[in-house]
Protein backbone atom coordinates (compact mmCIF):
# COMPACT_ATOMS: atom_id res chain seq x y z
CA UNK A 1 60.25 -20.52 -12.86
CA UNK A 2 63.08 -18.77 -13.74
CA UNK A 3 64.94 -21.67 -15.95
CA UNK A 4 61.40 -21.65 -18.13
CA UNK A 5 60.85 -17.55 -18.40
CA UNK A 6 64.68 -17.27 -19.53
CA UNK A 7 64.04 -20.30 -22.34
CA UNK A 8 60.82 -18.29 -23.20
CA UNK A 9 62.62 -14.90 -23.51
CA UNK A 10 65.44 -17.21 -25.23
CA UNK A 11 63.11 -19.09 -27.82
CA UNK A 12 61.28 -15.82 -28.33
CA UNK A 13 64.93 -13.92 -29.30
CA UNK A 14 65.54 -17.04 -31.80
CA UNK A 15 61.93 -16.59 -33.83
CA UNK A 16 62.51 -12.84 -34.04
CA UNK A 17 65.90 -13.46 -35.57
CA UNK A 18 64.73 -16.16 -38.06
CA UNK A 19 61.70 -13.87 -38.62
CA UNK A 20 63.92 -10.65 -39.59
CA UNK A 21 66.37 -12.63 -41.53
CA UNK A 22 63.63 -13.97 -43.59
CA UNK A 23 62.29 -10.73 -44.50
CA UNK A 24 65.95 -8.87 -45.29
CA UNK A 25 65.46 -11.58 -47.73
CA UNK A 26 62.68 -10.59 -49.27
CA UNK A 27 64.16 -7.13 -50.65
CA UNK A 28 66.40 -6.23 -52.87
CA UNK A 29 69.51 -5.44 -50.68
CA UNK A 30 72.39 -7.63 -50.86
CA UNK A 31 74.20 -8.95 -53.69
CA UNK A 32 73.42 -10.28 -56.95
CA UNK A 33 73.57 -11.74 -60.61
CA UNK A 34 71.74 -10.86 -63.55
CA UNK A 35 71.74 -13.74 -66.00
CA UNK A 36 73.27 -12.48 -69.26
CA UNK A 37 70.37 -14.06 -71.81
CA UNK A 38 72.94 -14.86 -74.62
CA UNK A 39 75.06 -17.22 -72.64
CA UNK A 40 72.76 -17.96 -69.46
CA UNK A 41 75.88 -16.95 -67.29
CA UNK A 42 76.31 -14.46 -64.53
CA UNK A 43 77.37 -11.12 -65.65
CA UNK A 44 78.33 -8.84 -63.17
CA UNK A 45 77.98 -8.81 -59.40
CA UNK A 46 75.62 -5.74 -58.24
CA UNK A 47 75.38 -4.48 -54.67
CA UNK A 48 72.43 -3.17 -53.92
CA UNK A 49 72.50 -0.87 -50.30
CA UNK A 50 69.92 1.70 -48.53
CA UNK A 51 71.26 5.19 -49.34
CA UNK A 52 70.87 8.14 -46.51
CA UNK A 53 67.71 9.17 -48.21
CA UNK A 54 66.05 5.95 -48.07
CA UNK A 55 66.60 5.01 -51.20
CA UNK A 56 67.86 1.72 -53.30
CA UNK A 57 71.36 2.65 -54.26
CA UNK A 58 72.97 -0.14 -56.67
CA UNK A 59 76.84 -0.51 -57.33
CA UNK A 60 78.62 -3.00 -60.58
CA UNK A 61 80.98 -4.75 -58.40
CA UNK A 62 82.38 -6.80 -60.10
CA UNK A 63 82.23 -7.18 -64.09
CA UNK A 64 82.40 -11.01 -65.31
CA UNK A 65 81.39 -11.37 -68.91
CA UNK A 66 82.90 -8.58 -71.31
CA UNK A 67 81.29 -8.28 -74.62
CA UNK A 68 83.91 -8.09 -77.10
CA UNK A 69 84.68 -4.82 -78.17
CA UNK A 70 82.58 -3.44 -74.99
CA UNK A 71 84.52 -0.73 -73.18
CA UNK A 72 85.26 -0.62 -69.47
CA UNK A 73 83.84 3.16 -69.26
CA UNK A 74 80.25 4.26 -69.81
CA UNK A 75 80.54 6.38 -73.07
CA UNK A 76 77.47 6.49 -74.66
CA UNK A 77 76.39 7.89 -70.69
CA UNK A 78 74.77 10.94 -71.22
CA UNK A 79 74.75 12.44 -67.38
CA UNK A 80 77.56 12.67 -64.70
CA UNK A 81 78.64 8.53 -65.36
CA UNK A 82 79.62 9.33 -68.90
CA UNK A 83 83.28 7.90 -69.35
CA UNK A 84 83.14 6.85 -66.20
CA UNK A 85 84.32 3.12 -65.71
CA UNK A 86 81.68 0.70 -65.06
CA UNK A 87 82.84 -1.09 -62.43
CA UNK A 88 81.73 0.78 -59.56
CA UNK A 89 79.41 2.70 -61.20
CA UNK A 90 76.03 3.43 -59.30
CA UNK A 91 73.47 1.89 -61.98
CA UNK A 92 70.37 1.62 -59.70
CA UNK A 93 69.31 5.48 -58.40
CA UNK A 94 66.14 5.53 -56.08
CA UNK A 95 63.35 3.30 -55.69
CA UNK A 96 61.32 2.58 -52.60
CA UNK A 97 59.35 -0.32 -51.21
CA UNK A 98 55.66 -0.14 -51.92
CA UNK A 99 53.14 -0.23 -48.93
CA UNK A 100 52.15 -3.31 -48.14
CA UNK A 101 54.22 -5.58 -51.01
CA UNK A 102 57.35 -6.70 -51.56
CA UNK A 103 57.72 -4.72 -54.26
CA UNK A 104 60.64 -1.46 -54.66
CA UNK A 105 59.26 0.93 -57.74
CA UNK A 106 60.04 4.23 -58.33
CA UNK A 107 63.91 4.30 -58.96
CA UNK A 108 65.77 4.28 -61.94
CA UNK A 109 68.24 1.53 -63.78
CA UNK A 110 71.48 2.32 -66.09
CA UNK A 111 71.88 0.04 -68.92
CA UNK A 112 75.86 1.01 -69.10
CA UNK A 113 76.43 -0.95 -72.31
CA UNK A 114 73.74 1.51 -74.22
CA UNK A 115 73.65 4.43 -71.98
CA UNK A 116 70.35 4.25 -71.21
CA UNK A 117 68.34 4.65 -68.20
CA UNK A 118 65.03 3.01 -67.49
CA UNK A 119 62.04 3.01 -64.75
CA UNK A 120 62.86 -0.34 -62.63
CA UNK A 121 60.72 -2.46 -60.82
CA UNK A 122 62.40 -5.51 -58.37
CA UNK A 123 60.03 -8.30 -57.13
CA UNK A 124 62.08 -10.83 -54.99
CA UNK A 125 60.71 -14.58 -55.55
CA UNK A 126 61.60 -18.62 -55.08
CA UNK A 127 62.21 -16.72 -51.05
CA UNK A 128 64.34 -13.75 -51.92
CA UNK A 129 67.05 -16.17 -54.06
CA UNK A 130 66.10 -14.54 -56.88
CA UNK A 131 64.70 -11.30 -58.27
CA UNK A 132 62.82 -10.03 -61.29
CA UNK A 133 64.42 -6.75 -62.54
CA UNK A 134 61.62 -4.99 -64.74
CA UNK A 135 63.14 -2.31 -66.76
CA UNK A 136 60.93 0.12 -68.40
CA UNK A 137 59.70 3.30 -69.95
CA UNK A 138 56.83 4.58 -69.80
CA UNK A 139 54.85 2.06 -68.11
CA UNK A 140 55.89 -1.14 -66.58
CA UNK A 141 53.90 -3.22 -68.86
CA UNK A 142 55.79 -1.72 -71.79
CA UNK A 143 59.16 -3.05 -70.49
CA UNK A 144 61.52 -6.50 -70.17
CA UNK A 145 62.10 -8.40 -67.24
CA UNK A 146 65.55 -9.73 -66.49
CA UNK A 147 65.78 -12.53 -63.54
CA UNK A 148 69.07 -11.83 -61.00
CA UNK A 149 70.01 -14.26 -58.49
CA UNK A 150 71.36 -13.64 -54.73
CA UNK A 151 75.01 -14.27 -54.04
CA UNK A 152 75.64 -15.05 -50.71
CA UNK A 153 79.09 -14.33 -49.20
């Protein structure tokens, strides 16, 4: 009797852990590499976390592709990030999960190459191995989608 109860508790715990891990993969939290459209290669490593306010925060941990003539600082930014190094820069601010969906929206994403900021939507795909990042102005229909790949570290 004790042995079967203990087995049931262990099995339940393992199933809960597996379910929690699967749910964690269906979120934007973690390390991601955007894919450069010109080269088809990863362009940076970006870590997305949840900040104290319960919204998303994304920081460039490492730049992998540097465009010729590109500055290491965000010279074209117009806010508190102006002139700051792009490596270590927070480029994602805000965004929360939409009720009942695996979609995060309501935040902003900065393109440090041109200093422009866009509204952003994050949608994990392929079981959380990839994510569609849609930057837009006004309506999500008026935007551009980029695929990011999860980095397992």
